[in-house]
Each structure stands twice: as C-alpha cells, then as structure tokens.
Amino acid sequence: MRNNLEICLSADELDKLASNIHIAFTCGASRVELCSAMHLDGLTPSIAAIKVARENMPHDGDLLVMIRPISNLFEVDRALLSTMLEQIESAAKLGATGVVFGAISHGKLDIKTTRTLVKHAQKYHLSVTFHRAFDCIENWQDALNLFIELGISRVLTNGTKWLSNTSVIQNIQHLKTLINFADNRIEVVIGGGVTCSNAAKLWQIATHNNNQVSLHVHSAVYKQDGYLDPLAVRTLAEIIGKRMNDNTSTALFLGIDGGGTKCKVRLENAQGKLLAEAISGPANIATSIEVAQKSIIAATHTVLSKANLPTTAISSIVACAGLAGANIKSAMLVMRDWQHPFAELSLTTDIDIACQGAHFNEPGAVIILGTGFCAGAKKSNKCIDFGGYGLLLSDGASGGWLGLNLFRYALEVTDGLLPISPLINALLAQINCTSSSDITQIALKAKPAYFASFAPLVFSMPDDPYAKSLLQYAAKFITRYVDHLVSMGYPRVSLIGGTAVKITPWLTAQTQQYLSKAKSTPEQGAIQLAKHNHKIL
C-alpha cells in the first residue's frame, strides 16, 4: 500500500543514491525529492544524479527534482529564471515526474516568475511543488489561492517562518488553519523537522475530512553513514499508512472537465468520498485531440498518485469526460474511437457536466466563462448549447476574447491610432514588445489559451479606459445570453469558469437577479453522469 510519505534524498553521493532509492520505495515511500547540497537547504541535483535516480525507481514511483540553481533567499532574477527553465526541461527529459521550486520578492510571492515556471513545467506534464519559500510569504492565503489557480500540485511548509528555528510541533495550530484553508484544493506537504516521534501527532491533522496532506522527511531517516535507515522509513510509513486502507476496496469514479487551458479531474469512490483532485494541460478536442488525450491521462496519473493508488488502478476507473469542443461532430467521432485505458469512459460536452453539477437533475442553465465561452441548459436529461464555436467565430466575454482584444488595442496604440494607457504599458512590458510588428510576431499564431493568460491583467486594472471598454462589452455579451436563457424558461443561470466571479460585478442588478450559485463543480457533475451511466445511481 502506497501512502503520503515523501523522502528528500541527497544527490551528492551517487554510489549511495541507488541504494537509498531502493530503501525508500521498498520500505513504504510513495515519492522522493532529489536535492543536492542539503547543507544549503537543497539545490538542483546533477544530471548524473537524476539519471541514477530514474534508473533505480519503480515503474510507478514519483521522482521530484529540486530546481534551485543557487543558495539565496529564493529571489529570482532574469538570468536565474533562464537557468531554472533550462533545468526544468532537463529534468523532464531525464524522466522526472515533478519539479520543486519557489520564487519570492521582498517577502511577497513573485507572481510573474512563478507563473512562468509553472507554465514551463506543465508544458512537460510535470507536477509542481512550491517549496518552503512559501514560509517566507506574508499573505499566504492569496499565495495559496494563486497556486490552486495555476494548477500547482502541492506546497511544502512546516507552518513556521523560514529560518525561525521554531519546531513544526510548536506551530501545529497554524498548520491546521492552513490545511483547512486549502480544503482539499491542493496537497499540503508538511516538512522541516518531521521525525518518527512527532509524525503521529502531525498525521492526525491529515485524518480530518480526508485532507490531501503528506509528510516530507530528510534527516530523520538518514544514518550517519549516508544511507537511509530502513527501520525509520518503515516506522513513518506505518504511522501514516493506516489512513489509506479503504482506498482500494471500493469502485473508482472519475469526473473529467476538459477545457481550453486545463483539464481538471476529481476521483471518488462509490460512496461519493473524495479521494483526490488534479489538474493538467489543455483538453479541447476541437483544438487537438492528441493533446486532449495526453492531458486526460496525465491528470489521471496525478490524481491516482495523490490518492495513493498505483497507476494500474486506471483500468478500474469508471470515467465521464465533459470536453470543450465536443459539440464539433468530427472531433467527437474521432474521440469516440480512442483506445483509452479506463474500465469505462463516457463522453459528453462541457456544458452537459456543468449543468449537471450546477443544478443536479433539476432544470437549469449555465454560462461557461473560461478560455472560451459557451452557454447551455438542461431539462429532463436533454441538453442544449449555444456558442462555443471558437475564438474566431464566437467566444465573446471569454478569457481568450479579453486577451485577444487587449492585443488589438495594443496594436492600435503602437500604430499611433489610440493613446497609451497603464494597461497597455503593462501588457507591452509583460510581452517585451515595443512595436506593432513585435506584437504581431508573438500573436499571429498564438492559441486562445495564450490570449486567455492576459485576462487577469485586464481585471487587475478595471479603471483603465481599455479595460473598462472590454469588461463593459463582455458584460453586455453575457447579458444577451442570460436574457435568452430566461426567455426559454430557465430562470436559474449559473456562471462558472475562470472569469465568472470577476465579471459578475460588471453585470446589471437586473441580470444578476437571475444568477444562481452552482451546487457543485463540473467535475462532480461528470461523476454523477459516470455513476448514472454505470447504473449506480
């Protein structure tokens, strides 16, 4: 039985690394983090060390690689960022399953650098751990919310300020607060002072509400000769392994929400108990069926790992996938021929699972505001949809539309047709462009997900004239669909997706009176459909 035990392995002595990998996994670890120079709190391991680790890993073992080129207080300049990006690519090519990094600036999360690093890791389907740089951040709640938004898999913390020399046990109350705030949206890895003597007390935190919590150990499992202590590893594995005993005894159901930017999955047992959630790359089958399939598999492997289940458990999963682009018949026909690894896989639209999640089996409508835009409604198991024809033909008010039209304004500004504004200045600085030809070169072949990445910039500067123009237009666009759905007999409309909450205040009071909070997520809606199709409900 695998469990949530993560061991930090020293990569400095290659002759001992192979043996330590073997001890870690045979004695109960579920993953290892590979670091060099532990006396400097961990730096990027050598290529040779990563190769040795990968060659000695079990097939379904997770190998996380530290990405920290130099010893500093986690501040990342342009040159260091370039090196970290190269190291992430190298780790992926050498067989790592995840990377560990962090970036702060003057006690605050370095959002731009973090976003860049995460996107690069996701390009190679690597999971991401934000390391103990997290313990340097003053506003940890905002940081944690951003990690979740970006799709970071886990955060490493011991609940105390970095370099405070405070015991992890002394601040256990803060750990409880942090884990409750995370609320199963991200895995919390407790590390820094975890020992065989305090592990049981720390693990009690994890037993509440099936929280996604792991223990991370280093010095507590090492002997003086540089080898792991098998007894110590087994002791820790036994302490935290008891909680996992029911995970493989029930059927598994997977809800898949495949969008233009990310694929979100949720794993439950037959009783509806949440086992884990995960996020991977884009899964719009109208854009790329191959990429969508890879994203679905990557997210499934991640969610199984989080649930402490082997990758072979995928063959026992009953899944339902609601996919962006599923309204395109040619794409859906090809997708239905997929030789997938699941026990069962039913396919439907993203609108269908969103309606099911938002309103259960009651009549209701949804408007999805993510990378793309679509709207739909469901009544008596019959689903109708509108929009969703892609950024070129529709998708007004989507994240992609906001970003694309921001670029259009920027082109007119650089051509001298419109005056400059703070928003345009911020965009030009972010994409490092000074002319319309520079902008065109970047944007000409860009995909909707790229443009959607600039929607947060628009929302961050609502008083800017161009932001105001875009958001007012988007609100009017949404209002047309709300009015249409209400006129069709659907007085309850739920707005969901990445921009839904931020665009709502721009709608009129009259429009907002028709809005209804979704009862659950699209992934939960997909699970309901999976169970129904499996004749469980």
Protein backbone atom coordinates (compact mmCIF):
# COMPACT_ATOMS: atom_id res chain seq x y z
CA MET A 1 0.00 0.00 0.00
CA ARG A 2 1.38 3.36 -1.02
CA ASN A 3 0.93 6.32 1.24
CA ASN A 4 1.71 10.00 1.53
CA LEU A 5 5.32 9.68 2.60
CA GLU A 6 7.82 11.82 0.69
CA ILE A 7 11.55 11.37 1.32
CA CYS A 8 14.08 14.04 0.44
CA LEU A 9 17.17 12.28 -0.90
CA SER A 10 20.67 13.71 -1.09
CA ALA A 11 22.09 13.54 -4.63
CA ASP A 12 25.69 14.26 -3.66
CA GLU A 13 26.91 10.66 -3.33
CA LEU A 14 25.91 8.69 -6.42
CA ASP A 15 27.21 5.40 -5.05
CA LYS A 16 24.68 5.63 -2.19
CA LEU A 17 21.79 7.14 -4.15
CA ALA A 18 20.77 3.93 -5.94
CA SER A 19 20.62 2.05 -2.64
CA ASN A 20 18.66 4.85 -0.96
CA ILE A 21 16.11 4.90 -3.79
CA HIS A 22 15.58 1.18 -3.28
CA ILE A 23 15.23 1.51 0.50
CA ALA A 24 12.82 4.44 0.21
CA PHE A 25 10.32 2.65 -2.02
CA THR A 26 10.59 -0.86 -0.63
CA CYS A 27 10.05 0.47 2.89
CA GLY A 28 6.93 2.48 2.08
CA ALA A 29 7.65 5.87 0.48
CA SER A 30 5.35 6.99 -2.33
CA ARG A 31 7.73 9.54 -3.83
CA VAL A 32 11.17 11.05 -3.43
CA GLU A 33 12.50 14.55 -3.85
CA LEU A 34 16.04 14.72 -5.19
CA CYS A 35 18.30 17.56 -3.99
CA SER A 36 21.99 18.32 -3.89
CA ALA A 37 23.81 20.38 -1.23
CA MET A 38 21.39 19.78 1.61
CA HIS A 39 23.62 21.86 3.88
CA LEU A 40 22.47 24.80 1.72
CA ASP A 41 18.81 23.76 2.12
CA GLY A 42 18.82 21.93 -1.21
CA LEU A 43 19.99 22.83 -4.72
CA THR A 44 19.38 21.40 -8.20
CA PRO A 45 20.87 17.90 -8.47
CA SER A 46 23.27 16.95 -11.26
CA ILE A 47 22.20 15.30 -14.49
CA ALA A 48 24.09 12.18 -13.41
CA ALA A 49 22.15 12.03 -10.14
CA ILE A 50 18.78 12.36 -11.87
CA LYS A 51 19.76 9.55 -14.25
CA VAL A 52 20.78 7.28 -11.37
CA ALA A 53 17.55 8.03 -9.53
CA ARG A 54 15.35 7.38 -12.55
CA GLU A 55 17.13 4.14 -13.43
CA ASN A 56 16.51 2.78 -9.94
CA MET A 57 12.94 3.99 -9.47
CA PRO A 58 9.97 1.60 -9.50
CA HIS A 59 7.73 1.97 -12.54
CA ASP A 60 5.01 3.89 -10.70
CA GLY A 61 7.27 5.81 -8.30
CA ASP A 62 7.29 9.60 -8.39
CA LEU A 63 10.60 11.44 -8.79
CA LEU A 64 10.51 15.13 -7.85
CA VAL A 65 13.57 17.22 -8.74
CA MET A 66 14.59 20.38 -6.89
CA ILE A 67 15.01 23.37 -9.21
CA ARG A 68 17.21 25.82 -7.28
CA PRO A 69 20.49 26.68 -9.01
CA ILE A 70 21.98 28.82 -6.23
CA SER A 71 21.63 29.31 -2.48
CA ASN A 72 19.78 32.54 -1.83
CA LEU A 73 16.56 33.75 -0.23
CA PHE A 74 14.51 32.44 -3.18
CA GLU A 75 14.69 35.66 -5.23
CA VAL A 76 14.88 35.01 -8.97
CA ASP A 77 16.32 37.48 -11.48
CA ARG A 78 16.15 37.14 -15.26
CA ALA A 79 19.38 35.16 -15.58
CA LEU A 80 18.42 32.78 -12.79
CA LEU A 81 14.97 32.31 -14.32
CA SER A 82 16.54 31.29 -17.61
CA THR A 83 18.68 28.71 -15.82
CA MET A 84 15.67 27.34 -13.92
CA LEU A 85 13.67 26.96 -17.13
CA GLU A 86 16.54 25.01 -18.67
CA GLN A 87 16.79 22.80 -15.59
CA ILE A 88 13.05 22.05 -15.67
CA GLU A 89 13.31 20.95 -19.30
CA SER A 90 16.37 18.83 -18.49
CA ALA A 91 14.64 17.17 -15.53
CA ALA A 92 11.63 16.31 -17.69
CA LYS A 93 13.77 14.77 -20.42
CA LEU A 94 15.63 12.71 -17.83
CA GLY A 95 12.41 11.17 -16.52
CA ALA A 96 11.34 13.31 -13.57
CA THR A 97 7.61 13.27 -12.81
CA GLY A 98 7.63 16.58 -10.97
CA VAL A 99 9.70 19.61 -10.04
CA VAL A 100 10.10 21.63 -6.85
CA PHE A 101 10.76 25.37 -6.87
CA GLY A 102 9.78 28.70 -5.35
CA ALA A 103 10.15 32.40 -6.10
CA ILE A 104 9.58 35.39 -3.84
CA SER A 105 10.43 39.06 -3.92
CA HIS A 106 10.76 41.17 -0.77
CA GLY A 107 8.60 38.83 1.30
CA LYS A 108 5.89 38.52 -1.33
CA LEU A 109 5.16 35.87 -3.91
CA ASP A 110 6.87 36.62 -7.22
CA ILE A 111 3.75 36.04 -9.27
CA LYS A 112 5.22 36.64 -12.72
CA THR A 113 8.17 34.30 -12.18
CA THR A 114 6.01 31.63 -10.55
CA ARG A 115 3.52 31.74 -13.42
CA THR A 116 6.34 31.39 -15.97
CA LEU A 117 7.92 28.44 -14.16
CA VAL A 118 4.61 26.64 -13.68
CA LYS A 119 3.64 27.01 -17.33
CA HIS A 120 7.02 25.65 -18.40
CA ALA A 121 6.68 22.65 -16.08
CA GLN A 122 3.16 21.94 -17.30
CA LYS A 123 4.45 22.02 -20.87
CA TYR A 124 6.33 18.82 -19.98
CA HIS A 125 3.42 17.39 -17.92
CA LEU A 126 5.38 17.75 -14.67
CA SER A 127 3.68 18.16 -11.31
CA VAL A 128 4.79 21.22 -9.34
CA THR A 129 5.63 21.62 -5.66
CA PHE A 130 6.15 25.16 -4.34
CA HIS A 131 8.85 24.67 -1.71
CA ARG A 132 9.42 26.34 1.65
CA ALA A 133 9.82 29.75 0.06
CA PHE A 134 6.10 29.65 0.88
CA ASP A 135 7.04 30.12 4.55
CA CYS A 136 8.60 33.50 3.67
CA ILE A 137 5.35 34.90 2.25
CA GLU A 138 3.33 37.26 4.44
CA ASN A 139 -0.05 36.85 2.70
CA TRP A 140 -0.07 33.09 2.44
CA GLN A 141 -3.82 32.85 1.76
CA ASP A 142 -3.55 34.82 -1.50
CA ALA A 143 -0.47 32.82 -2.45
CA LEU A 144 -2.25 29.52 -1.86
CA ASN A 145 -5.25 30.63 -3.93
CA LEU A 146 -2.93 31.56 -6.79
CA PHE A 147 -1.15 28.19 -6.56
CA ILE A 148 -4.51 26.48 -6.95
CA GLU A 149 -5.46 28.73 -9.87
CA LEU A 150 -2.15 27.95 -11.61
CA GLY A 151 -2.50 24.20 -11.11
CA ILE A 152 0.36 23.76 -8.66
CA SER A 153 0.04 20.27 -7.20
CA ARG A 154 1.39 20.79 -3.71
CA VAL A 155 3.01 23.24 -1.29
CA LEU A 156 5.79 22.38 1.19
CA THR A 157 5.61 24.03 4.62
CA ASN A 158 6.17 23.38 8.31
CA GLY A 159 3.82 26.15 9.40
CA THR A 160 6.58 28.41 10.72
CA LYS A 161 8.51 31.34 9.34
CA TRP A 162 11.54 30.36 7.26
CA LEU A 163 14.74 30.33 9.34
CA SER A 164 12.79 30.98 12.55
CA ASN A 165 14.16 27.82 14.23
CA THR A 166 10.66 27.11 15.50
CA SER A 167 9.61 23.47 15.83
CA VAL A 168 6.92 22.21 13.49
CA ILE A 169 5.03 20.93 16.54
CA GLN A 170 5.07 24.38 18.18
CA ASN A 171 3.04 25.81 15.30
CA ILE A 172 0.72 22.89 14.69
CA GLN A 173 -2.35 25.11 15.11
CA HIS A 174 -1.25 27.21 12.14
CA LEU A 175 -0.80 24.03 10.11
CA LYS A 176 -4.40 23.08 10.91
CA THR A 177 -5.57 26.53 9.79
CA LEU A 178 -3.57 26.28 6.59
CA ILE A 179 -4.81 22.77 5.76
CA ASN A 180 -8.42 23.76 6.42
CA PHE A 181 -7.97 26.78 4.17
CA ALA A 182 -6.53 24.55 1.45
CA ASP A 183 -9.72 22.49 1.76
CA ASN A 184 -8.50 19.63 -0.44
CA ARG A 185 -7.86 22.01 -3.34
CA ILE A 186 -4.10 21.48 -3.13
CA GLU A 187 -1.89 18.97 -1.34
CA VAL A 188 -0.13 20.32 1.75
CA VAL A 189 3.25 18.69 2.37
CA ILE A 190 4.43 19.07 5.95
CA GLY A 191 8.23 19.15 6.04
CA GLY A 192 11.03 20.61 8.10
CA GLY A 193 11.54 18.92 11.45
CA VAL A 194 9.31 15.87 10.87
CA THR A 195 10.58 12.90 12.92
CA CYS A 196 9.47 9.42 13.90
CA SER A 197 8.49 10.78 17.31
CA ASN A 198 6.25 13.63 16.12
CA ALA A 199 4.89 12.10 12.89
CA ALA A 200 1.84 10.53 14.54
CA LYS A 201 0.74 13.84 16.04
CA LEU A 202 1.26 15.63 12.72
CA TRP A 203 -0.59 12.92 10.85
CA GLN A 204 -3.70 13.41 12.99
CA ILE A 205 -4.20 16.65 11.07
CA ALA A 206 -4.44 14.72 7.83
CA THR A 207 -7.13 12.31 9.02
CA HIS A 208 -9.77 15.05 9.19
CA ASN A 209 -12.03 15.18 6.09
CA ASN A 210 -9.60 13.08 4.04
CA ASN A 211 -7.34 16.09 3.60
CA GLN A 212 -4.63 15.98 0.96
CA VAL A 213 -1.63 16.01 3.30
CA SER A 214 1.79 14.38 3.09
CA LEU A 215 4.80 14.17 5.36
CA HIS A 216 8.24 15.13 3.99
CA VAL A 217 11.33 13.85 5.78
CA HIS A 218 15.09 14.04 5.33
CA SER A 219 17.43 13.94 8.32
CA ALA A 220 15.06 11.78 10.39
CA VAL A 221 15.55 8.82 8.05
CA TYR A 222 19.30 9.12 7.37
CA LYS A 223 22.02 7.24 9.24
CA GLN A 224 25.45 8.76 9.90
CA ASP A 225 26.99 6.75 7.07
CA GLY A 226 24.81 8.49 4.46
CA TYR A 227 22.41 5.59 3.89
CA LEU A 228 18.69 5.60 4.66
CA ASP A 229 17.58 3.81 7.80
CA PRO A 230 15.03 1.18 6.66
CA LEU A 231 13.51 0.95 10.13
CA ALA A 232 12.87 4.71 10.29
CA VAL A 233 11.26 4.71 6.83
CA ARG A 234 9.03 1.75 7.72
CA THR A 235 8.03 3.37 11.01
CA LEU A 236 6.89 6.53 9.25
CA ALA A 237 5.12 4.57 6.52
CA GLU A 238 3.23 2.53 9.13
CA ILE A 239 2.20 5.66 11.05
CA ILE A 240 0.59 7.28 8.06
CA GLY A 241 -0.37 4.21 6.05
CA LYS A 242 -3.36 3.25 8.20
CA ARG A 243 -5.49 6.03 6.73
CA MET A 244 -5.21 4.61 3.22
CA ASN A 245 -6.65 1.17 3.87
CA ASP A 246 -10.05 1.83 2.32
CA ASN A 247 -8.89 3.43 -0.94
CA THR A 248 -8.60 0.25 -2.99
CA SER A 249 -11.61 -1.56 -1.55
CA THR A 250 -14.27 0.36 -3.49
CA ALA A 251 -15.05 1.21 -7.08
CA LEU A 252 -13.44 4.34 -8.50
CA PHE A 253 -15.26 7.10 -10.39
CA LEU A 254 -13.54 9.91 -12.25
CA GLY A 255 -15.09 13.20 -13.36
CA ILE A 256 -13.17 14.98 -16.12
CA ASP A 257 -13.66 18.64 -17.06
CA GLY A 258 -11.59 19.24 -20.19
CA GLY A 259 -11.20 22.92 -21.03
CA GLY A 260 -9.17 25.02 -23.39
CA THR A 261 -6.47 25.80 -20.82
CA LYS A 262 -6.58 22.94 -18.34
CA CYS A 263 -8.04 19.53 -17.64
CA LYS A 264 -9.47 19.14 -14.12
CA VAL A 265 -10.29 15.73 -12.68
CA ARG A 266 -11.91 14.50 -9.48
CA LEU A 267 -11.65 10.94 -8.13
CA GLU A 268 -14.29 9.49 -5.79
CA ASN A 269 -15.28 6.07 -4.52
CA ALA A 270 -18.77 4.60 -4.92
CA GLN A 271 -19.92 6.27 -1.68
CA GLY A 272 -19.01 9.72 -3.02
CA LYS A 273 -15.94 10.14 -0.84
CA LEU A 274 -13.38 12.47 -2.40
CA LEU A 275 -10.08 10.69 -2.89
CA ALA A 276 -8.14 13.36 -4.78
CA GLU A 277 -8.26 16.07 -7.42
CA ALA A 278 -5.73 17.06 -10.08
CA ILE A 279 -5.11 19.42 -12.97
CA SER A 280 -3.14 19.03 -16.19
CA GLY A 281 -2.89 20.76 -19.56
CA PRO A 282 -5.50 21.73 -22.19
CA ALA A 283 -8.17 19.26 -23.32
CA ASN A 284 -10.18 20.97 -26.06
CA ILE A 285 -10.74 18.23 -28.64
CA ALA A 286 -11.59 20.75 -31.37
CA THR A 287 -8.09 22.22 -30.98
CA SER A 288 -6.10 18.98 -30.63
CA ILE A 289 -7.46 15.52 -29.86
CA GLU A 290 -3.94 14.18 -29.21
CA VAL A 291 -3.15 16.90 -26.67
CA ALA A 292 -6.54 16.40 -25.00
CA GLN A 293 -5.96 12.67 -24.61
CA LYS A 294 -2.48 13.23 -23.18
CA SER A 295 -3.86 15.78 -20.72
CA ILE A 296 -6.59 13.38 -19.57
CA ILE A 297 -4.05 10.61 -18.96
CA ALA A 298 -1.60 12.98 -17.22
CA ALA A 299 -4.31 14.29 -14.89
CA THR A 300 -5.47 10.74 -14.15
CA HIS A 301 -1.98 9.56 -13.26
CA THR A 302 -1.57 12.57 -10.98
CA VAL A 303 -4.88 12.03 -9.22
CA LEU A 304 -4.07 8.34 -8.66
CA SER A 305 -0.73 9.31 -7.15
CA LYS A 306 -2.45 11.82 -4.86
CA ALA A 307 -4.92 9.14 -3.80
CA ASN A 308 -2.01 6.79 -3.05
CA LEU A 309 -3.08 4.34 -5.72
CA PRO A 310 -0.84 2.69 -8.32
CA THR A 311 -1.12 3.75 -11.96
CA THR A 312 -2.52 0.29 -12.75
CA ALA A 313 -5.72 1.33 -10.93
CA ILE A 314 -6.64 3.31 -14.05
CA SER A 315 -8.09 0.12 -15.50
CA SER A 316 -10.67 0.07 -12.67
CA ILE A 317 -11.90 3.62 -13.20
CA VAL A 318 -15.38 4.45 -14.49
CA ALA A 319 -14.98 7.90 -16.03
CA CYS A 320 -17.07 10.59 -17.66
CA ALA A 321 -15.43 13.42 -19.59
CA GLY A 322 -17.13 16.69 -20.46
CA LEU A 323 -14.91 18.25 -23.10
CA ALA A 324 -14.62 21.62 -24.75
CA GLY A 325 -15.03 21.12 -28.49
CA ALA A 326 -17.29 18.08 -28.04
CA ASN A 327 -20.02 19.97 -29.89
CA ILE A 328 -17.89 19.63 -33.04
CA LYS A 329 -19.13 16.37 -34.57
CA SER A 330 -15.93 15.48 -36.44
CA ALA A 331 -13.84 15.85 -33.27
CA MET A 332 -16.29 13.81 -31.21
CA LEU A 333 -16.32 10.97 -33.77
CA VAL A 334 -12.54 10.65 -33.59
CA MET A 335 -12.57 10.88 -29.79
CA ARG A 336 -15.08 8.04 -29.53
CA ASP A 337 -12.59 5.74 -31.30
CA TRP A 338 -9.93 6.35 -28.65
CA GLN A 339 -8.49 3.14 -27.21
CA HIS A 340 -8.48 4.52 -23.67
CA PRO A 341 -7.16 2.68 -20.58
CA PHE A 342 -10.26 3.17 -18.39
CA ALA A 343 -12.75 0.46 -17.45
CA GLU A 344 -15.47 2.72 -18.87
CA LEU A 345 -15.39 6.20 -20.43
CA SER A 346 -18.48 8.14 -21.42
CA LEU A 347 -18.03 11.34 -23.43
CA THR A 348 -20.19 14.44 -23.44
CA THR A 349 -19.91 18.23 -23.69
CA ASP A 350 -18.53 20.56 -21.08
CA ILE A 351 -21.98 22.17 -20.97
CA ASP A 352 -23.61 18.87 -20.01
CA ILE A 353 -21.38 18.23 -16.98
CA ALA A 354 -21.55 21.90 -15.98
CA CYS A 355 -25.38 21.84 -15.99
CA GLN A 356 -25.42 18.56 -14.09
CA GLY A 357 -23.01 19.89 -11.47
CA ALA A 358 -24.70 23.26 -11.13
CA HIS A 359 -28.32 22.11 -10.92
CA PHE A 360 -28.13 18.31 -10.38
CA ASN A 361 -31.20 16.82 -12.09
CA GLU A 362 -33.27 19.99 -11.94
CA PRO A 363 -33.81 22.29 -14.96
CA GLY A 364 -31.19 24.99 -15.18
CA ALA A 365 -28.72 26.82 -17.37
CA VAL A 366 -25.02 27.66 -17.27
CA ILE A 367 -22.68 30.06 -18.96
CA ILE A 368 -19.06 28.90 -19.04
CA LEU A 369 -16.52 31.72 -18.95
CA GLY A 370 -13.09 30.19 -19.27
CA THR A 371 -10.54 30.27 -22.04
CA GLY A 372 -13.56 30.02 -24.33
CA PHE A 373 -17.24 30.83 -23.98
CA CYS A 374 -20.33 28.71 -24.25
CA ALA A 375 -23.79 28.59 -22.78
CA GLY A 376 -26.39 25.89 -22.41
CA ALA A 377 -29.24 24.44 -20.45
CA LYS A 378 -30.53 21.04 -19.39
CA LYS A 379 -34.02 19.76 -18.68
CA SER A 380 -35.26 16.17 -18.45
CA ASN A 381 -31.80 14.86 -19.40
CA LYS A 382 -31.87 16.86 -22.64
CA CYS A 383 -29.03 19.34 -23.08
CA ILE A 384 -28.92 22.30 -25.46
CA ASP A 385 -25.95 24.58 -26.04
CA PHE A 386 -25.09 27.89 -27.65
CA GLY A 387 -21.78 29.38 -28.68
CA GLY A 388 -18.54 27.53 -28.18
CA TYR A 389 -17.55 27.87 -31.81
CA GLY A 390 -14.04 29.05 -31.09
CA LEU A 391 -12.34 32.40 -30.63
CA LEU A 392 -12.50 33.29 -34.32
CA LEU A 393 -16.27 32.83 -34.62
CA SER A 394 -17.68 33.44 -31.13
CA ASP A 395 -16.42 33.32 -27.54
CA GLY A 396 -17.20 36.93 -26.62
CA ALA A 397 -16.57 37.59 -22.90
CA SER A 398 -14.18 34.62 -22.61
CA GLY A 399 -10.67 34.89 -21.23
CA GLY A 400 -9.35 34.35 -24.74
CA TRP A 401 -11.56 37.14 -26.11
CA LEU A 402 -10.45 39.59 -23.42
CA GLY A 403 -6.78 38.86 -24.13
CA LEU A 404 -7.16 38.97 -27.91
CA ASN A 405 -8.93 42.32 -27.85
CA LEU A 406 -6.38 43.70 -25.43
CA PHE A 407 -3.77 42.85 -28.07
CA ARG A 408 -5.90 44.60 -30.71
CA TYR A 409 -5.95 47.75 -28.61
CA ALA A 410 -2.18 47.45 -28.14
CA LEU A 411 -1.69 47.30 -31.92
CA GLU A 412 -3.69 50.48 -32.43
CA VAL A 413 -1.75 52.17 -29.65
CA THR A 414 1.64 51.23 -31.12
CA ASP A 415 0.40 52.36 -34.55
CA GLY A 416 -0.46 55.76 -33.07
CA LEU A 417 -4.22 55.48 -33.52
CA LEU A 418 -5.02 55.36 -29.81
CA PRO A 419 -3.38 56.92 -26.72
CA ILE A 420 -1.24 54.84 -24.38
CA SER A 421 -2.68 53.72 -21.02
CA PRO A 422 -1.35 51.93 -17.92
CA LEU A 423 -2.96 48.67 -19.08
CA ILE A 424 -1.30 48.81 -22.50
CA ASN A 425 2.01 49.71 -20.86
CA ALA A 426 1.69 46.71 -18.57
CA LEU A 427 0.91 44.39 -21.49
CA LEU A 428 3.83 45.64 -23.59
CA ALA A 429 6.18 45.20 -20.65
CA GLN A 430 4.90 41.69 -19.95
CA ILE A 431 5.35 40.53 -23.56
CA ASN A 432 8.51 42.60 -24.02
CA CYS A 433 7.26 44.39 -27.15
CA THR A 434 7.68 47.97 -28.33
CA SER A 435 6.14 47.93 -31.82
CA SER A 436 3.17 46.55 -33.70
CA SER A 437 5.46 44.21 -35.64
CA ASP A 438 6.76 42.78 -32.36
CA ILE A 439 3.20 42.21 -31.15
CA THR A 440 2.14 40.64 -34.44
CA GLN A 441 5.06 38.23 -34.43
CA ILE A 442 4.01 36.94 -31.00
CA ALA A 443 0.25 36.91 -31.51
CA LEU A 444 -0.18 35.79 -35.11
CA LYS A 445 -0.04 32.07 -34.35
CA ALA A 446 -0.97 32.23 -30.68
CA LYS A 447 -3.70 29.93 -29.39
CA PRO A 448 -6.72 31.02 -27.32
CA ALA A 449 -5.09 29.78 -24.11
CA TYR A 450 -2.23 32.24 -24.66
CA PHE A 451 -4.58 35.19 -25.02
CA ALA A 452 -6.61 33.98 -22.03
CA SER A 453 -3.49 34.22 -19.86
CA PHE A 454 -3.80 38.03 -20.11
CA ALA A 455 -7.40 38.20 -18.85
CA PRO A 456 -6.21 38.59 -15.21
CA LEU A 457 -4.25 41.66 -16.32
CA VAL A 458 -7.46 43.24 -17.66
CA PHE A 459 -9.32 42.53 -14.41
CA SER A 460 -6.42 43.88 -12.34
CA MET A 461 -6.79 47.38 -13.83
CA PRO A 462 -10.57 47.97 -14.02
CA ASP A 463 -10.26 51.76 -14.09
CA ASP A 464 -8.14 51.75 -17.22
CA PRO A 465 -10.22 53.00 -20.19
CA TYR A 466 -9.40 49.99 -22.34
CA ALA A 467 -10.12 47.53 -19.52
CA LYS A 468 -13.39 49.30 -18.83
CA SER A 469 -14.37 49.11 -22.50
CA LEU A 470 -13.57 45.39 -22.70
CA LEU A 471 -15.34 44.48 -19.48
CA GLN A 472 -18.44 46.54 -20.31
CA TYR A 473 -18.70 44.82 -23.68
CA ALA A 474 -18.18 41.41 -22.08
CA ALA A 475 -20.95 42.14 -19.56
CA LYS A 476 -23.37 43.10 -22.35
CA PHE A 477 -22.45 39.94 -24.26
CA ILE A 478 -23.20 37.78 -21.20
CA THR A 479 -26.45 39.65 -20.57
CA ARG A 480 -27.73 38.75 -24.06
CA TYR A 481 -27.28 35.07 -23.27
CA VAL A 482 -28.81 35.35 -19.80
CA ASP A 483 -31.86 37.09 -21.28
CA HIS A 484 -32.15 34.44 -23.98
CA LEU A 485 -31.95 31.56 -21.48
CA VAL A 486 -34.53 33.20 -19.20
CA SER A 487 -36.86 33.72 -22.17
CA MET A 488 -36.57 29.98 -22.92
CA GLY A 489 -37.83 29.14 -19.45
CA TYR A 490 -34.59 28.81 -17.49
CA PRO A 491 -34.77 31.42 -14.69
CA ARG A 492 -31.77 29.91 -12.89
CA VAL A 493 -28.45 30.59 -14.63
CA SER A 494 -25.06 29.75 -13.14
CA LEU A 495 -21.88 31.48 -14.26
CA ILE A 496 -18.87 29.20 -13.97
CA GLY A 497 -15.27 29.22 -15.13
CA GLY A 498 -12.12 31.22 -14.53
CA THR A 499 -13.54 34.70 -15.18
CA ALA A 500 -17.07 34.15 -13.82
CA VAL A 501 -16.59 35.65 -10.36
CA LYS A 502 -14.62 38.66 -11.60
CA ILE A 503 -17.05 39.59 -14.38
CA THR A 504 -20.21 39.30 -12.24
CA PRO A 505 -19.94 42.79 -10.66
CA TRP A 506 -19.97 44.27 -14.18
CA LEU A 507 -23.44 42.86 -14.83
CA THR A 508 -26.52 44.93 -14.06
CA ALA A 509 -28.56 44.26 -10.94
CA GLN A 510 -31.41 43.05 -13.15
CA THR A 511 -29.18 40.47 -14.81
CA GLN A 512 -27.64 39.37 -11.52
CA GLN A 513 -31.07 38.52 -10.09
CA TYR A 514 -31.24 35.55 -12.45
CA LEU A 515 -27.88 34.18 -11.37
CA SER A 516 -27.83 31.08 -9.20
CA LYS A 517 -24.78 29.70 -7.40
CA ALA A 518 -23.73 26.32 -8.78
CA LYS A 519 -24.48 23.45 -6.39
CA SER A 520 -21.25 21.67 -7.30
CA THR A 521 -18.43 21.69 -9.82
CA PRO A 522 -18.49 20.35 -13.40
CA GLU A 523 -16.18 17.52 -12.31
CA GLN A 524 -18.73 16.48 -9.70
CA GLY A 525 -21.41 16.69 -12.37
CA ALA A 526 -19.31 14.39 -14.54
CA ILE A 527 -19.07 11.87 -11.70
CA GLN A 528 -22.86 11.92 -11.30
CA LEU A 529 -23.16 11.11 -15.01
CA ALA A 530 -20.47 8.42 -14.77
CA LYS A 531 -22.36 6.71 -11.95
CA HIS A 532 -25.64 7.05 -13.82
CA ASN A 533 -24.15 5.54 -16.96
CA HIS A 534 -22.68 2.75 -14.81
CA LYS A 535 -26.17 2.13 -13.36
CA ILE A 536 -25.04 3.06 -9.85
CA LEU A 537 -27.46 5.94 -9.35
